[in-house]
Amino acid sequence: MSSIITDLEKKEINMSCQNTKPDPMLDFVDRFVRFVALWGGGLMIVSLMGITVIDVTLRYFFSSPIFGARDVSKLIMLTAVALSVAYSARTGGQVSIELFTGMMGPRITRWTEVFVRLIAIVMLIILTWRLWLSGLSASEFGEASLALEIPFKPFYFILSLGMLLYAVVLIAELPLFLRGRTTNIKPPSH
């Protein structure tokens, strides 16, 4: 009996997914987070590679590494992650543990996903707000990197905007989950 219900529920979900029209808001969010991640995050990765190659070359051949290369590298990595986290979430690149999904039906799974995403949205909005406030007060407290004393203020703002973009992705995906559709997209193949 339970297999019949499961098969019926699967057919219902498959039928609702066949008659789907592209969501213009989600399409815009997809294009925007892809642009930010690939251009912003990509530029940071190329910069990190350049600094690392130059630092290792100078260290190996001239015994004179770049002073503060670690400070710069850490801040570049932070920026790359902040600019890419929303794209990673949108393409399903983050770890997800589905412990009880096999035991639950599609309807319960859908509402569980909606509930978890609502909690995540609230958490990300609070995180965005707190990071923004930390950025405003960072220069007051002299928060900076150790060797080069690069101020942390702009990096708090970058992190804040990255978390806000992640929240926007989750908000844009909510209507699809409420309609019982899947939200993950495939990364571009080119």
Protein backbone atom coordinates (compact mmCIF):
# COMPACT_ATOMS: atom_id res chain seq x y z
CA MET A 1 0.00 0.00 0.00
CA SER A 2 2.75 2.46 0.88
CA SER A 3 4.49 1.86 -2.46
CA ILE A 4 1.24 2.72 -4.29
CA ILE A 5 0.96 6.01 -2.42
CA THR A 6 4.58 6.81 -3.08
CA ASP A 7 4.18 6.07 -6.80
CA LEU A 8 1.07 8.26 -6.98
CA GLU A 9 2.81 11.10 -5.19
CA LYS A 10 5.79 10.78 -7.55
CA LYS A 11 3.49 10.93 -10.59
CA GLU A 12 1.75 14.01 -9.16
CA ILE A 13 5.05 15.79 -8.67
CA ASN A 14 6.34 14.79 -12.10
CA MET A 15 3.14 16.09 -13.72
CA SER A 16 3.38 19.40 -11.88
CA CYS A 17 7.01 19.74 -13.04
CA GLN A 18 6.13 19.13 -16.71
CA ASN A 19 3.86 22.14 -16.94
CA THR A 20 6.38 24.61 -15.56
CA LYS A 21 7.22 27.96 -17.03
CA PRO A 22 10.57 29.59 -16.32
CA ASP A 23 10.42 31.92 -13.36
CA PRO A 24 11.74 35.35 -14.49
CA MET A 25 12.86 36.34 -10.98
CA LEU A 26 14.76 33.10 -10.50
CA ASP A 27 16.27 33.43 -13.98
CA PHE A 28 17.53 36.93 -13.10
CA VAL A 29 18.94 35.68 -9.77
CA ASP A 30 20.66 32.80 -11.60
CA ARG A 31 22.31 35.12 -14.10
CA PHE A 32 23.34 37.62 -11.42
CA VAL A 33 24.87 35.12 -8.97
CA ARG A 34 26.66 33.38 -11.85
CA PHE A 35 28.13 36.71 -12.98
CA VAL A 36 29.25 37.66 -9.44
CA ALA A 37 30.77 34.24 -8.75
CA LEU A 38 32.50 33.71 -12.08
CA TRP A 39 33.81 37.24 -12.57
CA GLY A 40 34.30 38.42 -8.98
CA GLY A 41 35.25 35.08 -7.44
CA GLY A 42 37.23 34.10 -10.53
CA LEU A 43 39.22 37.32 -10.45
CA MET A 44 40.03 36.66 -6.79
CA ILE A 45 41.24 33.12 -7.55
CA VAL A 46 43.46 34.38 -10.40
CA SER A 47 44.84 37.09 -8.08
CA LEU A 48 45.52 34.52 -5.38
CA MET A 49 47.32 32.32 -7.89
CA GLY A 50 49.45 35.26 -9.06
CA ILE A 51 50.45 36.29 -5.55
CA THR A 52 51.26 32.69 -4.60
CA VAL A 53 53.40 32.09 -7.71
CA ILE A 54 55.31 35.35 -7.25
CA ASP A 55 55.77 34.73 -3.51
CA VAL A 56 57.06 31.16 -4.00
CA THR A 57 59.34 32.23 -6.87
CA LEU A 58 60.85 35.06 -4.85
CA ARG A 59 61.23 32.82 -1.81
CA TYR A 60 62.88 30.00 -3.78
CA PHE A 61 65.22 31.97 -6.04
CA PHE A 62 66.02 35.05 -3.96
CA SER A 63 65.19 33.93 -0.39
CA SER A 64 63.00 37.02 -0.20
CA PRO A 65 59.27 36.27 0.00
CA ILE A 66 56.66 39.00 -0.33
CA PHE A 67 56.10 40.63 3.03
CA GLY A 68 52.44 40.25 3.99
CA ALA A 69 51.57 37.75 1.26
CA ARG A 70 49.67 35.67 3.80
CA ASP A 71 47.55 38.66 4.84
CA VAL A 72 46.65 39.42 1.25
CA SER A 73 46.02 35.74 0.45
CA LYS A 74 43.64 35.31 3.39
CA LEU A 75 41.64 38.39 2.43
CA ILE A 76 41.49 37.33 -1.22
CA MET A 77 40.21 33.87 -0.21
CA LEU A 78 37.60 35.48 2.05
CA THR A 79 36.42 37.66 -0.84
CA ALA A 80 36.31 34.71 -3.27
CA VAL A 81 34.14 32.70 -0.88
CA ALA A 82 31.84 35.63 -0.13
CA LEU A 83 31.30 36.28 -3.84
CA SER A 84 30.73 32.61 -4.68
CA VAL A 85 28.61 31.23 -1.82
CA ALA A 86 25.27 32.23 -3.38
CA TYR A 87 26.16 30.57 -6.70
CA SER A 88 27.26 27.45 -4.87
CA ALA A 89 23.92 27.34 -3.05
CA ARG A 90 21.99 27.88 -6.27
CA THR A 91 23.77 25.10 -8.16
CA GLY A 92 23.60 22.59 -5.29
CA GLY A 93 27.34 22.77 -4.63
CA GLN A 94 27.02 22.69 -0.85
CA VAL A 95 26.87 19.63 1.35
CA SER A 96 23.36 18.45 2.14
CA ILE A 97 22.58 15.56 4.45
CA GLU A 98 19.34 13.78 3.60
CA LEU A 99 19.07 11.42 6.52
CA PHE A 100 15.30 10.92 6.65
CA THR A 101 14.28 11.92 3.12
CA GLY A 102 13.95 8.30 1.98
CA MET A 103 11.53 7.57 4.83
CA MET A 104 9.33 10.62 4.22
CA GLY A 105 6.96 11.18 1.36
CA PRO A 106 7.47 13.97 -1.19
CA ARG A 107 4.96 16.28 0.51
CA ILE A 108 6.63 16.05 3.91
CA THR A 109 10.04 16.47 2.28
CA ARG A 110 8.81 19.57 0.44
CA TRP A 111 7.46 21.21 3.59
CA THR A 112 10.58 20.29 5.51
CA GLU A 113 12.65 21.98 2.79
CA VAL A 114 10.45 25.08 2.99
CA PHE A 115 10.78 25.20 6.79
CA VAL A 116 14.57 24.77 6.69
CA ARG A 117 14.92 27.44 4.01
CA LEU A 118 12.82 29.88 6.02
CA ILE A 119 15.09 29.35 9.03
CA ALA A 120 18.14 29.79 6.79
CA ILE A 121 16.74 33.04 5.34
CA VAL A 122 16.19 34.46 8.82
CA MET A 123 19.68 33.38 9.90
CA LEU A 124 21.29 34.89 6.78
CA ILE A 125 19.45 38.19 7.20
CA ILE A 126 20.63 38.42 10.82
CA LEU A 127 24.16 37.51 9.72
CA THR A 128 24.04 40.15 6.97
CA TRP A 129 22.92 42.79 9.46
CA ARG A 130 25.56 41.85 12.07
CA LEU A 131 28.37 41.77 9.49
CA TRP A 132 27.32 45.18 8.20
CA LEU A 133 27.35 46.60 11.75
CA SER A 134 30.75 45.02 12.36
CA GLY A 135 32.01 46.69 9.20
CA LEU A 136 30.77 50.06 10.43
CA SER A 137 32.60 49.67 13.74
CA ALA A 138 35.74 47.87 12.44
CA SER A 139 37.80 51.01 11.90
CA GLU A 140 36.75 52.33 15.31
CA PHE A 141 38.33 49.30 16.96
CA GLY A 142 41.34 49.21 14.63
CA GLU A 143 40.52 45.79 13.17
CA ALA A 144 43.19 45.03 10.58
CA SER A 145 45.46 42.27 9.32
CA LEU A 146 48.57 41.52 11.34
CA ALA A 147 51.50 42.15 9.01
CA LEU A 148 50.22 44.79 6.57
CA GLU A 149 47.48 46.24 8.79
CA ILE A 150 44.94 46.10 5.96
CA PRO A 151 41.66 47.37 7.44
CA PHE A 152 38.93 44.72 7.75
CA LYS A 153 36.10 47.22 7.21
CA PRO A 154 35.55 46.61 3.46
CA PHE A 155 35.79 42.85 3.94
CA TYR A 156 32.97 42.88 6.50
CA PHE A 157 30.85 44.67 3.89
CA ILE A 158 31.82 42.16 1.17
CA LEU A 159 30.89 39.27 3.48
CA SER A 160 27.64 40.99 4.37
CA LEU A 161 26.69 41.41 0.72
CA GLY A 162 27.64 37.79 0.00
CA MET A 163 25.32 36.56 2.76
CA LEU A 164 22.55 38.88 1.54
CA LEU A 165 22.90 37.45 -1.96
CA TYR A 166 22.66 33.94 -0.50
CA ALA A 167 19.42 34.95 1.29
CA VAL A 168 18.07 36.35 -1.99
CA VAL A 169 18.77 32.98 -3.68
CA LEU A 170 16.81 31.15 -0.97
CA ILE A 171 13.94 33.65 -1.19
CA ALA A 172 13.81 33.27 -4.98
CA GLU A 173 13.72 29.46 -4.64
CA LEU A 174 10.88 29.40 -2.07
CA PRO A 175 7.99 29.73 -4.56
CA LEU A 176 9.32 26.75 -6.51
CA PHE A 177 9.43 24.60 -3.39
CA LEU A 178 5.94 25.70 -2.46
CA ARG A 179 4.78 24.49 -5.89
CA GLY A 180 6.64 21.18 -5.42
CA ARG A 181 9.33 21.75 -8.01
CA THR A 182 13.06 21.23 -7.82
CA THR A 183 15.30 24.29 -7.60
CA ASN A 184 18.79 23.18 -8.46
CA ILE A 185 20.29 24.25 -11.74
CA LYS A 186 23.25 22.75 -13.50
CA PRO A 187 26.43 24.83 -13.75
CA PRO A 188 27.16 26.09 -17.25
CA SER A 189 29.04 23.50 -19.33
CA HIS A 190 31.20 25.99 -21.19
